[in-house]
Amino acid sequence: MEENKMKKKVMVAIDESEYSHWALQWALENLGHTISASQLFIFNAQPLPNFAYLSGSTYGAPPVDLINTVQENQKKLALALLEKAKGICANRGVNAETMTEVGDPKEKICEAVEKLNIELLILGSHGRGAIQRAFLGSVSNHCVHNAKCPVLVVRKPDWKD
């Protein structure tokens, strides 16, 4: 336990996109020595489910069982995503802790950074233009401006597609 107190804390936030997996791979390849000497957290934020379509399809309030099923499936997907990322790390000899939270990814990532005293946050970027970012928002942009630690945003090069 004393060893973990001495290690730097690094967090890689992932989602189901290829961009976040690229960021994880890039970090392991390019920061491998730093990451292997750090306490690594792989974090996933499960966005709040949009039940509006369920209300429309059930002519009113969706049944509680249906809501629970959607939430359980979302959690299973998040856990599978984290296990896959943990396996990628293990294949490179890096031990990682995983965690997931439900809520707005922008907010949950920044909250986790503060709660865990993370010293470096690594995120992927979707590479959206200014107009798309204005309408859709940008998790990486929000974290760069609001996380309580340095943030490394990894963009997948166009030639890697």
N, C-alpha and C. Protein backbone atom coordinates (compact mmCIF):
# COMPACT_ATOMS: atom_id res chain seq x y z
N MET A 1 0.83 -1.20 0.00
CA MET A 1 0.00 0.00 0.00
C MET A 1 0.87 1.26 0.00
N GLU A 2 1.97 1.23 0.75
CA GLU A 2 2.89 2.36 0.81
C GLU A 2 3.42 2.69 -0.58
N GLU A 3 3.61 1.64 -1.39
CA GLU A 3 4.12 1.82 -2.75
C GLU A 3 3.16 2.66 -3.59
N ASN A 4 1.83 2.44 -3.46
CA ASN A 4 0.85 3.20 -4.22
C ASN A 4 0.84 4.68 -3.85
N LYS A 5 1.18 5.00 -2.59
CA LYS A 5 1.21 6.40 -2.17
C LYS A 5 2.35 7.15 -2.86
N MET A 6 3.41 6.44 -3.21
CA MET A 6 4.56 7.06 -3.84
C MET A 6 4.37 7.22 -5.34
N LYS A 7 3.54 6.39 -5.93
CA LYS A 7 3.34 6.42 -7.38
C LYS A 7 2.49 7.60 -7.80
N LYS A 8 2.79 8.13 -8.98
CA LYS A 8 1.94 9.15 -9.58
C LYS A 8 0.64 8.47 -10.01
N LYS A 9 -0.42 9.25 -10.05
CA LYS A 9 -1.73 8.73 -10.46
C LYS A 9 -2.07 9.26 -11.84
N VAL A 10 -2.30 8.33 -12.77
CA VAL A 10 -2.64 8.65 -14.15
C VAL A 10 -4.01 8.05 -14.45
N MET A 11 -4.85 8.79 -15.14
CA MET A 11 -6.16 8.27 -15.52
C MET A 11 -6.35 8.42 -17.03
N VAL A 12 -6.81 7.34 -17.64
CA VAL A 12 -7.20 7.37 -19.05
C VAL A 12 -8.72 7.20 -19.07
N ALA A 13 -9.41 8.19 -19.61
CA ALA A 13 -10.87 8.13 -19.72
C ALA A 13 -11.22 7.57 -21.09
N ILE A 14 -12.06 6.53 -21.10
CA ILE A 14 -12.43 5.89 -22.36
C ILE A 14 -13.94 5.82 -22.53
N ASP A 15 -14.33 5.71 -23.78
CA ASP A 15 -15.71 5.41 -24.13
C ASP A 15 -15.65 4.33 -25.21
N GLU A 16 -16.73 4.12 -25.90
CA GLU A 16 -16.75 3.04 -26.90
C GLU A 16 -16.13 3.44 -28.24
N SER A 17 -15.67 4.67 -28.34
CA SER A 17 -15.14 5.16 -29.61
C SER A 17 -13.74 4.64 -29.88
N GLU A 18 -13.40 4.60 -31.15
CA GLU A 18 -12.05 4.21 -31.56
C GLU A 18 -11.03 5.25 -31.09
N TYR A 19 -11.46 6.49 -30.91
CA TYR A 19 -10.57 7.56 -30.52
C TYR A 19 -10.03 7.38 -29.10
N SER A 20 -10.89 6.93 -28.20
CA SER A 20 -10.42 6.74 -26.83
C SER A 20 -9.49 5.52 -26.75
N HIS A 21 -9.77 4.50 -27.56
CA HIS A 21 -8.88 3.34 -27.57
C HIS A 21 -7.53 3.71 -28.21
N TRP A 22 -7.56 4.57 -29.19
CA TRP A 22 -6.32 5.06 -29.78
C TRP A 22 -5.50 5.80 -28.71
N ALA A 23 -6.17 6.62 -27.90
CA ALA A 23 -5.48 7.37 -26.85
C ALA A 23 -4.85 6.42 -25.84
N LEU A 24 -5.56 5.37 -25.47
CA LEU A 24 -5.00 4.38 -24.53
C LEU A 24 -3.79 3.70 -25.14
N GLN A 25 -3.92 3.25 -26.39
CA GLN A 25 -2.80 2.59 -27.07
C GLN A 25 -1.61 3.54 -27.19
N TRP A 26 -1.88 4.77 -27.58
CA TRP A 26 -0.80 5.76 -27.75
C TRP A 26 -0.08 5.98 -26.42
N ALA A 27 -0.86 6.14 -25.35
CA ALA A 27 -0.26 6.38 -24.04
C ALA A 27 0.61 5.20 -23.61
N LEU A 28 0.14 3.99 -23.84
CA LEU A 28 0.93 2.82 -23.46
C LEU A 28 2.21 2.71 -24.28
N GLU A 29 2.12 3.06 -25.56
CA GLU A 29 3.30 2.98 -26.43
C GLU A 29 4.30 4.11 -26.17
N ASN A 30 3.80 5.31 -25.96
CA ASN A 30 4.67 6.49 -25.88
C ASN A 30 5.01 6.93 -24.46
N LEU A 31 4.19 6.55 -23.52
CA LEU A 31 4.43 6.91 -22.12
C LEU A 31 4.54 5.66 -21.26
N GLY A 32 4.88 4.56 -21.89
CA GLY A 32 4.90 3.26 -21.22
C GLY A 32 5.70 3.23 -19.94
N HIS A 33 6.91 3.81 -19.97
CA HIS A 33 7.76 3.80 -18.78
C HIS A 33 7.10 4.60 -17.65
N THR A 34 6.56 5.76 -17.98
CA THR A 34 5.90 6.60 -16.99
C THR A 34 4.66 5.90 -16.44
N ILE A 35 3.87 5.33 -17.34
CA ILE A 35 2.62 4.68 -16.92
C ILE A 35 2.90 3.43 -16.09
N SER A 36 3.89 2.64 -16.48
CA SER A 36 4.18 1.42 -15.72
C SER A 36 4.69 1.74 -14.32
N ALA A 37 5.25 2.93 -14.13
CA ALA A 37 5.72 3.35 -12.81
C ALA A 37 4.65 4.15 -12.06
N SER A 38 3.45 4.22 -12.62
CA SER A 38 2.37 5.01 -12.03
C SER A 38 1.22 4.10 -11.61
N GLN A 39 0.31 4.67 -10.87
CA GLN A 39 -0.94 3.99 -10.55
C GLN A 39 -1.92 4.40 -11.65
N LEU A 40 -2.32 3.44 -12.50
CA LEU A 40 -3.15 3.74 -13.66
C LEU A 40 -4.61 3.41 -13.39
N PHE A 41 -5.46 4.38 -13.69
CA PHE A 41 -6.91 4.19 -13.59
C PHE A 41 -7.48 4.30 -14.99
N ILE A 42 -8.34 3.35 -15.35
CA ILE A 42 -9.10 3.42 -16.60
C ILE A 42 -10.53 3.78 -16.18
N PHE A 43 -11.04 4.88 -16.71
CA PHE A 43 -12.34 5.40 -16.27
C PHE A 43 -13.31 5.46 -17.43
N ASN A 44 -14.55 5.10 -17.16
CA ASN A 44 -15.61 5.21 -18.15
C ASN A 44 -16.81 5.88 -17.49
N ALA A 45 -17.35 6.88 -18.17
CA ALA A 45 -18.58 7.54 -17.71
C ALA A 45 -19.72 7.07 -18.59
N GLN A 46 -20.72 6.49 -17.96
CA GLN A 46 -21.90 6.04 -18.69
C GLN A 46 -22.89 7.21 -18.77
N PRO A 47 -23.13 7.72 -19.98
CA PRO A 47 -24.09 8.84 -20.08
C PRO A 47 -25.46 8.42 -19.56
N LEU A 48 -26.17 9.37 -19.00
CA LEU A 48 -27.53 9.07 -18.54
C LEU A 48 -28.37 8.63 -19.73
N PRO A 49 -29.06 7.52 -19.60
CA PRO A 49 -29.87 7.04 -20.73
C PRO A 49 -30.98 8.03 -21.06
N ASN A 50 -31.28 8.14 -22.34
CA ASN A 50 -32.38 8.97 -22.80
C ASN A 50 -33.61 8.08 -22.93
N PHE A 51 -34.54 8.27 -22.02
CA PHE A 51 -35.74 7.41 -22.01
C PHE A 51 -36.89 8.02 -22.81
N ALA A 52 -36.65 9.13 -23.50
CA ALA A 52 -37.72 9.78 -24.27
C ALA A 52 -38.27 8.83 -25.33
N TYR A 53 -37.39 8.10 -26.01
CA TYR A 53 -37.88 7.18 -27.05
C TYR A 53 -38.68 6.04 -26.44
N LEU A 54 -38.35 5.65 -25.20
CA LEU A 54 -39.13 4.59 -24.54
C LEU A 54 -40.53 5.09 -24.19
N SER A 55 -40.61 6.36 -23.77
CA SER A 55 -41.92 6.93 -23.45
C SER A 55 -42.81 6.96 -24.68
N GLY A 56 -42.24 7.34 -25.80
CA GLY A 56 -43.01 7.40 -27.04
C GLY A 56 -43.45 6.02 -27.50
N SER A 57 -42.59 5.04 -27.33
CA SER A 57 -42.93 3.69 -27.81
C SER A 57 -43.90 2.97 -26.89
N THR A 58 -44.07 3.46 -25.66
CA THR A 58 -45.01 2.81 -24.73
C THR A 58 -46.23 3.69 -24.46
N TYR A 59 -46.38 4.76 -25.24
CA TYR A 59 -47.52 5.67 -25.10
C TYR A 59 -47.62 6.21 -23.68
N GLY A 60 -46.54 6.75 -23.17
CA GLY A 60 -46.55 7.33 -21.82
C GLY A 60 -45.29 6.97 -21.08
N ALA A 61 -45.44 6.76 -19.80
CA ALA A 61 -44.28 6.43 -18.98
C ALA A 61 -43.81 5.01 -19.27
N PRO A 62 -42.51 4.82 -19.50
CA PRO A 62 -42.00 3.48 -19.77
C PRO A 62 -42.07 2.61 -18.51
N PRO A 63 -42.31 1.33 -18.67
CA PRO A 63 -42.38 0.44 -17.51
C PRO A 63 -41.03 0.40 -16.78
N VAL A 64 -41.08 0.28 -15.47
CA VAL A 64 -39.87 0.26 -14.64
C VAL A 64 -38.95 -0.88 -15.07
N ASP A 65 -39.52 -2.02 -15.40
CA ASP A 65 -38.70 -3.16 -15.82
C ASP A 65 -37.89 -2.83 -17.07
N LEU A 66 -38.50 -2.12 -17.98
CA LEU A 66 -37.80 -1.74 -19.21
C LEU A 66 -36.66 -0.77 -18.91
N ILE A 67 -36.90 0.19 -18.03
CA ILE A 67 -35.86 1.14 -17.63
C ILE A 67 -34.70 0.39 -16.97
N ASN A 68 -35.03 -0.52 -16.07
CA ASN A 68 -33.99 -1.30 -15.38
C ASN A 68 -33.17 -2.13 -16.35
N THR A 69 -33.83 -2.71 -17.34
CA THR A 69 -33.13 -3.52 -18.34
C THR A 69 -32.16 -2.67 -19.15
N VAL A 70 -32.60 -1.49 -19.56
CA VAL A 70 -31.73 -0.58 -20.33
C VAL A 70 -30.52 -0.19 -19.48
N GLN A 71 -30.74 0.14 -18.22
CA GLN A 71 -29.64 0.55 -17.34
C GLN A 71 -28.68 -0.61 -17.08
N GLU A 72 -29.20 -1.81 -16.88
CA GLU A 72 -28.35 -2.99 -16.66
C GLU A 72 -27.50 -3.28 -17.89
N ASN A 73 -28.10 -3.19 -19.07
CA ASN A 73 -27.34 -3.43 -20.31
C ASN A 73 -26.26 -2.39 -20.50
N GLN A 74 -26.56 -1.14 -20.19
CA GLN A 74 -25.56 -0.08 -20.30
C GLN A 74 -24.39 -0.35 -19.36
N LYS A 75 -24.69 -0.80 -18.14
CA LYS A 75 -23.62 -1.10 -17.18
C LYS A 75 -22.78 -2.28 -17.65
N LYS A 76 -23.43 -3.31 -18.21
CA LYS A 76 -22.69 -4.48 -18.72
C LYS A 76 -21.75 -4.06 -19.85
N LEU A 77 -22.22 -3.19 -20.73
CA LEU A 77 -21.37 -2.71 -21.83
C LEU A 77 -20.18 -1.92 -21.30
N ALA A 78 -20.42 -1.07 -20.30
CA ALA A 78 -19.33 -0.29 -19.71
C ALA A 78 -18.30 -1.19 -19.05
N LEU A 79 -18.76 -2.20 -18.32
CA LEU A 79 -17.83 -3.12 -17.66
C LEU A 79 -17.03 -3.93 -18.67
N ALA A 80 -17.68 -4.34 -19.76
CA ALA A 80 -16.97 -5.08 -20.82
C ALA A 80 -15.91 -4.19 -21.47
N LEU A 81 -16.25 -2.95 -21.69
CA LEU A 81 -15.31 -1.98 -22.27
C LEU A 81 -14.09 -1.80 -21.36
N LEU A 82 -14.34 -1.68 -20.07
CA LEU A 82 -13.25 -1.52 -19.11
C LEU A 82 -12.38 -2.77 -19.03
N GLU A 83 -13.00 -3.94 -19.08
CA GLU A 83 -12.23 -5.19 -19.04
C GLU A 83 -11.33 -5.32 -20.27
N LYS A 84 -11.87 -4.91 -21.42
CA LYS A 84 -11.07 -4.94 -22.65
C LYS A 84 -9.85 -4.02 -22.51
N ALA A 85 -10.08 -2.82 -21.99
CA ALA A 85 -8.98 -1.85 -21.80
C ALA A 85 -7.98 -2.39 -20.78
N LYS A 86 -8.47 -3.00 -19.73
CA LYS A 86 -7.59 -3.56 -18.71
C LYS A 86 -6.74 -4.68 -19.31
N GLY A 87 -7.33 -5.46 -20.21
CA GLY A 87 -6.59 -6.52 -20.90
C GLY A 87 -5.50 -5.96 -21.80
N ILE A 88 -5.79 -4.87 -22.49
CA ILE A 88 -4.80 -4.21 -23.34
C ILE A 88 -3.61 -3.77 -22.48
N CYS A 89 -3.91 -3.21 -21.32
CA CYS A 89 -2.85 -2.79 -20.40
C CYS A 89 -2.05 -3.99 -19.90
N ALA A 90 -2.74 -5.05 -19.50
CA ALA A 90 -2.08 -6.25 -18.98
C ALA A 90 -1.15 -6.86 -20.02
N ASN A 91 -1.57 -6.83 -21.29
CA ASN A 91 -0.72 -7.36 -22.37
C ASN A 91 0.58 -6.59 -22.50
N ARG A 92 0.61 -5.38 -21.99
CA ARG A 92 1.83 -4.55 -22.03
C ARG A 92 2.51 -4.51 -20.66
N GLY A 93 2.05 -5.38 -19.76
CA GLY A 93 2.67 -5.46 -18.45
C GLY A 93 2.30 -4.35 -17.50
N VAL A 94 1.18 -3.69 -17.77
CA VAL A 94 0.73 -2.57 -16.93
C VAL A 94 -0.53 -2.99 -16.18
N ASN A 95 -0.48 -2.83 -14.87
CA ASN A 95 -1.65 -3.13 -14.04
C ASN A 95 -2.52 -1.87 -13.98
N ALA A 96 -3.82 -2.04 -14.21
CA ALA A 96 -4.73 -0.89 -14.20
C ALA A 96 -5.94 -1.19 -13.33
N GLU A 97 -6.40 -0.16 -12.66
CA GLU A 97 -7.65 -0.23 -11.92
C GLU A 97 -8.73 0.36 -12.81
N THR A 98 -9.94 -0.20 -12.74
CA THR A 98 -11.02 0.32 -13.57
C THR A 98 -12.14 0.85 -12.69
N MET A 99 -12.83 1.83 -13.23
CA MET A 99 -14.00 2.36 -12.54
C MET A 99 -14.95 3.01 -13.54
N THR A 100 -16.23 2.98 -13.18
CA THR A 100 -17.25 3.58 -14.02
C THR A 100 -18.23 4.35 -13.16
N GLU A 101 -18.77 5.41 -13.72
CA GLU A 101 -19.77 6.24 -13.06
C GLU A 101 -20.87 6.52 -14.07
N VAL A 102 -22.07 6.81 -13.57
CA VAL A 102 -23.20 7.15 -14.43
C VAL A 102 -23.41 8.66 -14.34
N GLY A 103 -23.49 9.30 -15.50
CA GLY A 103 -23.74 10.74 -15.55
C GLY A 103 -23.09 11.37 -16.76
N ASP A 104 -23.12 12.67 -16.79
CA ASP A 104 -22.52 13.43 -17.89
C ASP A 104 -21.01 13.18 -17.90
N PRO A 105 -20.47 12.60 -18.98
CA PRO A 105 -19.04 12.27 -19.00
C PRO A 105 -18.12 13.43 -18.65
N LYS A 106 -18.44 14.64 -19.13
CA LYS A 106 -17.59 15.80 -18.84
C LYS A 106 -17.47 16.01 -17.34
N GLU A 107 -18.59 15.98 -16.68
CA GLU A 107 -18.62 16.24 -15.24
C GLU A 107 -18.02 15.08 -14.45
N LYS A 108 -18.38 13.86 -14.83
CA LYS A 108 -17.92 12.68 -14.07
C LYS A 108 -16.41 12.49 -14.17
N ILE A 109 -15.84 12.79 -15.33
CA ILE A 109 -14.38 12.67 -15.47
C ILE A 109 -13.69 13.67 -14.55
N CYS A 110 -14.13 14.92 -14.58
CA CYS A 110 -13.52 15.95 -13.74
C CYS A 110 -13.71 15.64 -12.25
N GLU A 111 -14.87 15.12 -11.88
CA GLU A 111 -15.10 14.73 -10.48
C GLU A 111 -14.17 13.61 -10.06
N ALA A 112 -13.99 12.61 -10.93
CA ALA A 112 -13.10 11.49 -10.61
C ALA A 112 -11.65 11.95 -10.47
N VAL A 113 -11.23 12.87 -11.34
CA VAL A 113 -9.87 13.42 -11.26
C VAL A 113 -9.64 14.04 -9.88
N GLU A 114 -10.61 14.81 -9.44
CA GLU A 114 -10.47 15.49 -8.14
C GLU A 114 -10.54 14.48 -6.99
N LYS A 115 -11.49 13.58 -7.05
CA LYS A 115 -11.69 12.60 -5.98
C LYS A 115 -10.47 11.69 -5.80
N LEU A 116 -9.85 11.28 -6.90
CA LEU A 116 -8.72 10.35 -6.85
C LEU A 116 -7.36 11.05 -6.80
N ASN A 117 -7.37 12.37 -6.84
CA ASN A 117 -6.12 13.15 -6.87
C ASN A 117 -5.24 12.74 -8.05
N ILE A 118 -5.85 12.65 -9.22
CA ILE A 118 -5.14 12.27 -10.44
C ILE A 118 -4.15 13.37 -10.81
N GLU A 119 -2.97 12.96 -11.28
CA GLU A 119 -1.92 13.93 -11.63
C GLU A 119 -1.76 14.11 -13.14
N LEU A 120 -2.34 13.21 -13.92
CA LEU A 120 -2.35 13.35 -15.38
C LEU A 120 -3.59 12.65 -15.92
N LEU A 121 -4.37 13.37 -16.70
CA LEU A 121 -5.56 12.83 -17.36
C LEU A 121 -5.27 12.70 -18.84
N ILE A 122 -5.56 11.52 -19.40
CA ILE A 122 -5.35 11.29 -20.83
C ILE A 122 -6.70 10.98 -21.46
N LEU A 123 -7.00 11.69 -22.55
CA LEU A 123 -8.28 11.55 -23.27
C LEU A 123 -8.03 11.45 -24.77
N GLY A 124 -8.94 10.80 -25.45
CA GLY A 124 -8.93 10.82 -26.90
C GLY A 124 -9.75 12.00 -27.39
N SER A 125 -9.53 12.38 -28.64
CA SER A 125 -10.30 13.46 -29.25
C SER A 125 -10.97 12.94 -30.50
N HIS A 126 -12.23 13.29 -30.67
CA HIS A 126 -12.97 12.90 -31.87
C HIS A 126 -12.56 13.71 -33.08
N GLY A 127 -11.82 14.79 -32.87
CA GLY A 127 -11.35 15.60 -33.98
C GLY A 127 -12.45 16.40 -34.65
N ARG A 128 -13.46 16.78 -33.87
CA ARG A 128 -14.56 17.57 -34.43
C ARG A 128 -14.10 18.99 -34.71
N GLY A 129 -14.73 19.60 -35.68
CA GLY A 129 -14.45 21.00 -35.98
C GLY A 129 -15.15 21.91 -34.99
N ALA A 130 -14.91 23.20 -35.14
CA ALA A 130 -15.45 24.19 -34.21
C ALA A 130 -16.98 24.19 -34.18
N ILE A 131 -17.61 24.04 -35.32
CA ILE A 131 -19.08 24.07 -35.37
C ILE A 131 -19.67 22.84 -34.68
N GLN A 132 -19.11 21.67 -34.96
CA GLN A 132 -19.61 20.46 -34.29
C GLN A 132 -19.40 20.54 -32.79
N ARG A 133 -18.24 21.07 -32.36
CA ARG A 133 -17.98 21.20 -30.92
C ARG A 133 -19.00 22.14 -30.29
N ALA A 134 -19.37 23.21 -31.01
CA ALA A 134 -20.32 24.17 -30.47
C ALA A 134 -21.69 23.54 -30.24
N PHE A 135 -22.11 22.67 -31.17
CA PHE A 135 -23.43 22.05 -31.04
C PHE A 135 -23.40 20.80 -30.17
N LEU A 136 -22.38 19.97 -30.32
CA LEU A 136 -22.33 18.70 -29.61
C LEU A 136 -21.56 18.77 -28.30
N GLY A 137 -20.77 19.81 -28.13
CA GLY A 137 -19.93 19.89 -26.94
C GLY A 137 -18.70 19.03 -27.13
N SER A 138 -17.74 19.21 -26.27
CA SER A 138 -16.50 18.46 -26.36
C SER A 138 -16.07 18.06 -24.97
N VAL A 139 -16.01 16.77 -24.72
CA VAL A 139 -15.58 16.27 -23.42
C VAL A 139 -14.13 16.69 -23.18
N SER A 140 -13.28 16.50 -24.19
CA SER A 140 -11.87 16.84 -24.00
C SER A 140 -11.69 18.34 -23.75
N ASN A 141 -12.40 19.18 -24.46
CA ASN A 141 -12.30 20.63 -24.26
C ASN A 141 -12.74 21.01 -22.85
N HIS A 142 -13.83 20.42 -22.40
CA HIS A 142 -14.32 20.70 -21.05
C HIS A 142 -13.27 20.28 -20.01
N CYS A 143 -12.69 19.11 -20.19
CA CYS A 143 -11.71 18.61 -19.22
C CYS A 143 -10.43 19.44 -19.22
N VAL A 144 -10.00 19.88 -20.40
CA VAL A 144 -8.81 20.73 -20.48
C VAL A 144 -9.00 21.99 -19.63
N HIS A 145 -10.20 22.53 -19.65
CA HIS A 145 -10.46 23.78 -18.95
C HIS A 145 -10.91 23.60 -17.50
N ASN A 146 -11.35 22.39 -17.12
CA ASN A 146 -11.94 22.23 -15.79
C ASN A 146 -11.30 21.17 -14.91
N ALA A 147 -10.55 20.24 -15.46
CA ALA A 147 -9.92 19.21 -14.63
C ALA A 147 -8.84 19.85 -13.76
N LYS A 148 -8.67 19.32 -12.58
CA LYS A 148 -7.72 19.86 -11.61
C LYS A 148 -6.34 19.22 -11.75
N CYS A 149 -5.94 18.92 -12.99
CA CYS A 149 -4.62 18.34 -13.26
C CYS A 149 -4.29 18.60 -14.73
N PRO A 150 -3.04 18.36 -15.12
CA PRO A 150 -2.71 18.47 -16.55
C PRO A 150 -3.52 17.44 -17.35
N VAL A 151 -3.89 17.83 -18.57
CA VAL A 151 -4.69 16.97 -19.45
C VAL A 151 -3.94 16.78 -20.76
N LEU A 152 -3.79 15.54 -21.16
CA LEU A 152 -3.17 15.21 -22.45
C LEU A 152 -4.28 14.71 -23.37
N VAL A 153 -4.53 15.45 -24.45
CA VAL A 153 -5.54 15.06 -25.43
C VAL A 153 -4.81 14.44 -26.62
N VAL A 154 -5.16 13.19 -26.91
CA VAL A 154 -4.50 12.45 -27.99
C VAL A 154 -5.46 12.37 -29.17
N ARG A 155 -5.03 12.92 -30.29
CA ARG A 155 -5.85 12.89 -31.49
C ARG A 155 -5.32 11.82 -32.42
N LYS A 156 -6.23 11.02 -32.93
CA LYS A 156 -5.85 9.97 -33.87
C LYS A 156 -5.52 10.62 -35.22
N PRO A 157 -4.31 10.37 -35.74
CA PRO A 157 -3.97 10.97 -37.04
C PRO A 157 -4.88 10.46 -38.15
N ASP A 158 -5.14 11.32 -39.11
CA ASP A 158 -6.01 10.95 -40.23
C ASP A 158 -5.48 9.74 -40.98
N TRP A 159 -4.16 9.61 -41.07
CA TRP A 159 -3.58 8.52 -41.83
C TRP A 159 -3.69 7.18 -41.11
N LYS A 160 -4.19 7.15 -39.86
CA LYS A 160 -4.36 5.91 -39.11
C LYS A 160 -5.73 5.28 -39.34
N ASP A 161 -6.61 5.92 -40.11
CA ASP A 161 -7.95 5.39 -40.34
C ASP A 161 -7.98 4.16 -41.17
